[in-house]
């Protein structure tokens, strides 16, 4: 479920960035070369595509942070390999971005921007802490053995 959620969220983001790249590469030169009568329509097209890009960005953030991150946090809290506090801390950027910031920006309220920025910064710091913990992680041989009831356990 988590990989599918992340993939869907990132797909929205990639499509939005592809549209943004296409608009930036083609629309300004087309606008300069267009007749005066066609320029207002090109401005409307640019504004429409800009709105679509913003919708795709916010949808991507909402899917990743409101659905995917809480699932990862739940897996960390319920699992026994990483400290549970990592999962609880991951819920902070999830709430800031997925439940407060991105929905506010999607609804046209600029006040959501600082929530998104703070959530991204906390998520980045969380990733740095996770990287350090994983670099120092040395599982014991007992933890590496197969769990009871697995295929490897049945063979031995």
Protein backbone atom coordinates (compact mmCIF):
# COMPACT_ATOMS: atom_id res chain seq x y z
CA UNK A 1 0.00 0.00 0.00
CA UNK A 2 2.76 2.46 0.91
CA UNK A 3 4.71 2.05 -2.38
CA UNK A 4 1.50 2.43 -4.40
CA UNK A 5 0.54 5.58 -2.49
CA UNK A 6 3.99 7.09 -2.92
CA UNK A 7 4.06 6.17 -6.60
CA UNK A 8 0.67 7.75 -7.20
CA UNK A 9 1.69 10.90 -5.36
CA UNK A 10 4.97 11.16 -7.23
CA UNK A 11 3.17 10.51 -10.53
CA UNK A 12 1.01 13.60 -9.96
CA UNK A 13 4.15 15.58 -9.14
CA UNK A 14 6.04 14.39 -12.21
CA UNK A 15 3.11 15.13 -14.52
CA UNK A 16 2.83 18.61 -13.03
CA UNK A 17 6.55 19.24 -13.51
CA UNK A 18 6.40 17.94 -17.10
CA UNK A 19 3.57 20.35 -17.88
CA UNK A 20 5.48 23.19 -16.19
CA UNK A 21 8.58 22.42 -18.25
CA UNK A 22 6.55 22.31 -21.47
CA UNK A 23 4.89 25.64 -20.64
CA UNK A 24 8.17 27.35 -19.76
CA UNK A 25 9.88 26.07 -22.90
CA UNK A 26 7.11 26.88 -25.39
CA UNK A 27 4.64 29.49 -24.19
CA UNK A 28 6.90 32.58 -23.78
CA UNK A 29 8.36 32.35 -27.29
CA UNK A 30 4.94 31.58 -28.75
CA UNK A 31 3.51 34.61 -26.95
CA UNK A 32 6.21 36.92 -28.31
CA UNK A 33 5.69 35.62 -31.87
CA UNK A 34 1.88 35.68 -31.71
CA UNK A 35 -0.37 38.29 -33.25
CA UNK A 36 -1.88 40.87 -30.91
CA UNK A 37 -5.32 39.30 -31.28
CA UNK A 38 -4.08 35.90 -30.05
CA UNK A 39 -2.18 37.13 -26.98
CA UNK A 40 -5.13 37.30 -24.57
CA UNK A 41 -6.01 33.67 -25.34
CA UNK A 42 -2.40 32.67 -24.73
CA UNK A 43 -2.50 34.41 -21.36
CA UNK A 44 -5.64 32.48 -20.50
CA UNK A 45 -3.94 29.24 -21.58
CA UNK A 46 -0.92 30.07 -19.42
CA UNK A 47 -3.10 30.87 -16.41
CA UNK A 48 -5.09 27.67 -16.89
CA UNK A 49 -1.98 25.53 -17.18
CA UNK A 50 -0.50 27.32 -14.16
CA UNK A 51 -3.60 26.41 -12.14
CA UNK A 52 -3.38 22.80 -13.34
CA UNK A 53 0.28 22.64 -12.30
CA UNK A 54 -0.61 23.96 -8.85
CA UNK A 55 -3.44 21.44 -8.49
CA UNK A 56 -1.12 18.56 -9.44
CA UNK A 57 1.57 19.76 -7.00
CA UNK A 58 -0.86 20.07 -4.12
CA UNK A 59 -2.50 16.75 -4.94
CA UNK A 60 0.93 15.14 -4.94
CA UNK A 61 1.76 16.62 -1.53
CA UNK A 62 -1.59 15.64 -0.08
CA UNK A 63 -1.35 12.03 -1.29
CA UNK A 64 2.25 11.59 -0.16
CA UNK A 65 1.97 13.37 3.18
CA UNK A 66 -1.65 12.69 4.19
CA UNK A 67 -1.75 9.03 3.17
CA UNK A 68 1.76 7.67 2.52
CA UNK A 69 3.65 9.19 5.45
CA UNK A 70 1.14 8.10 8.11
CA UNK A 71 1.36 4.55 6.74
CA UNK A 72 5.16 4.66 7.00
CA UNK A 73 4.89 6.11 10.51
CA UNK A 74 2.50 3.33 11.51
CA UNK A 75 4.90 0.70 10.14
CA UNK A 76 7.78 2.21 12.12
CA UNK A 77 5.75 2.44 15.35
CA UNK A 78 4.44 -1.13 15.03
CA UNK A 79 7.75 -2.58 13.88
CA UNK A 80 10.55 -3.44 16.22
CA UNK A 81 13.60 -2.63 14.12
CA UNK A 82 13.59 1.17 14.44
CA UNK A 83 12.81 3.29 17.49
CA UNK A 84 9.09 4.05 17.73
CA UNK A 85 9.75 7.75 18.27
CA UNK A 86 10.83 7.96 14.60
CA UNK A 87 7.32 7.03 13.57
CA UNK A 88 5.73 9.52 15.92
CA UNK A 89 8.02 12.32 14.72
CA UNK A 90 7.15 11.49 11.10
CA UNK A 91 3.54 12.35 11.85
CA UNK A 92 4.52 16.01 12.41
CA UNK A 93 5.40 16.79 8.76
CA UNK A 94 2.53 14.58 7.69
CA UNK A 95 0.05 16.77 9.55
CA UNK A 96 1.75 20.06 8.63
CA UNK A 97 1.93 19.33 4.90
CA UNK A 98 -0.79 16.78 4.15
CA UNK A 99 -3.57 17.94 6.44
CA UNK A 100 -2.94 21.67 6.92
CA UNK A 101 -0.59 23.30 4.39
CA UNK A 102 -1.38 21.68 1.04
CA UNK A 103 -5.17 21.68 1.54
CA UNK A 104 -5.07 25.38 2.52
CA UNK A 105 -2.98 26.24 -0.54
CA UNK A 106 -5.29 24.13 -2.72
CA UNK A 107 -8.23 26.17 -1.47
CA UNK A 108 -6.44 29.41 -2.32
CA UNK A 109 -5.23 30.39 1.16
CA UNK A 110 -1.59 31.50 1.05
CA UNK A 111 -1.26 30.91 4.81
CA UNK A 112 -0.71 27.21 4.01
CA UNK A 113 2.70 27.93 2.46
CA UNK A 114 4.60 28.32 5.75
CA UNK A 115 3.07 25.07 7.03
CA UNK A 116 4.33 23.27 3.92
CA UNK A 117 7.79 24.80 4.28
CA UNK A 118 8.05 23.88 7.96
CA UNK A 119 6.76 20.36 7.24
CA UNK A 120 9.33 19.86 4.47
CA UNK A 121 12.13 21.06 6.75
CA UNK A 122 11.09 18.74 9.58
CA UNK A 123 10.82 15.87 7.09
CA UNK A 124 14.33 16.64 5.78
CA UNK A 125 15.74 16.66 9.33
CA UNK A 126 13.89 13.41 10.02
CA UNK A 127 15.54 11.86 6.95
CA UNK A 128 18.97 13.00 8.18
CA UNK A 129 18.36 11.46 11.61
CA UNK A 130 17.11 8.26 9.98
CA UNK A 131 20.21 8.12 7.76
CA UNK A 132 22.51 8.48 10.78
CA UNK A 133 20.59 5.81 12.71
CA UNK A 134 20.68 3.41 9.77
CA UNK A 135 24.41 4.02 9.26
CA UNK A 136 25.05 3.10 12.89
CA UNK A 137 22.58 0.21 12.93
CA UNK A 138 24.22 -3.14 13.49
CA UNK A 139 21.57 -5.81 13.83
CA UNK A 140 22.54 -8.81 15.89
CA UNK A 141 22.56 -12.25 14.38
CA UNK A 142 19.51 -13.15 16.46
CA UNK A 143 17.50 -10.43 14.73
CA UNK A 144 18.59 -11.69 11.32
CA UNK A 145 17.27 -15.22 11.87
CA UNK A 146 13.98 -16.10 10.25
CA UNK A 147 10.84 -15.50 12.24
CA UNK A 148 8.94 -18.59 13.44
CA UNK A 149 6.57 -19.99 10.86
CA UNK A 150 8.48 -18.78 7.81
CA UNK A 151 9.65 -21.02 5.01
CA UNK A 152 13.25 -20.91 6.22
CA UNK A 153 12.17 -21.96 9.71
CA UNK A 154 10.26 -24.93 8.29
CA UNK A 155 13.32 -26.10 6.31
CA UNK A 156 15.58 -26.30 9.36
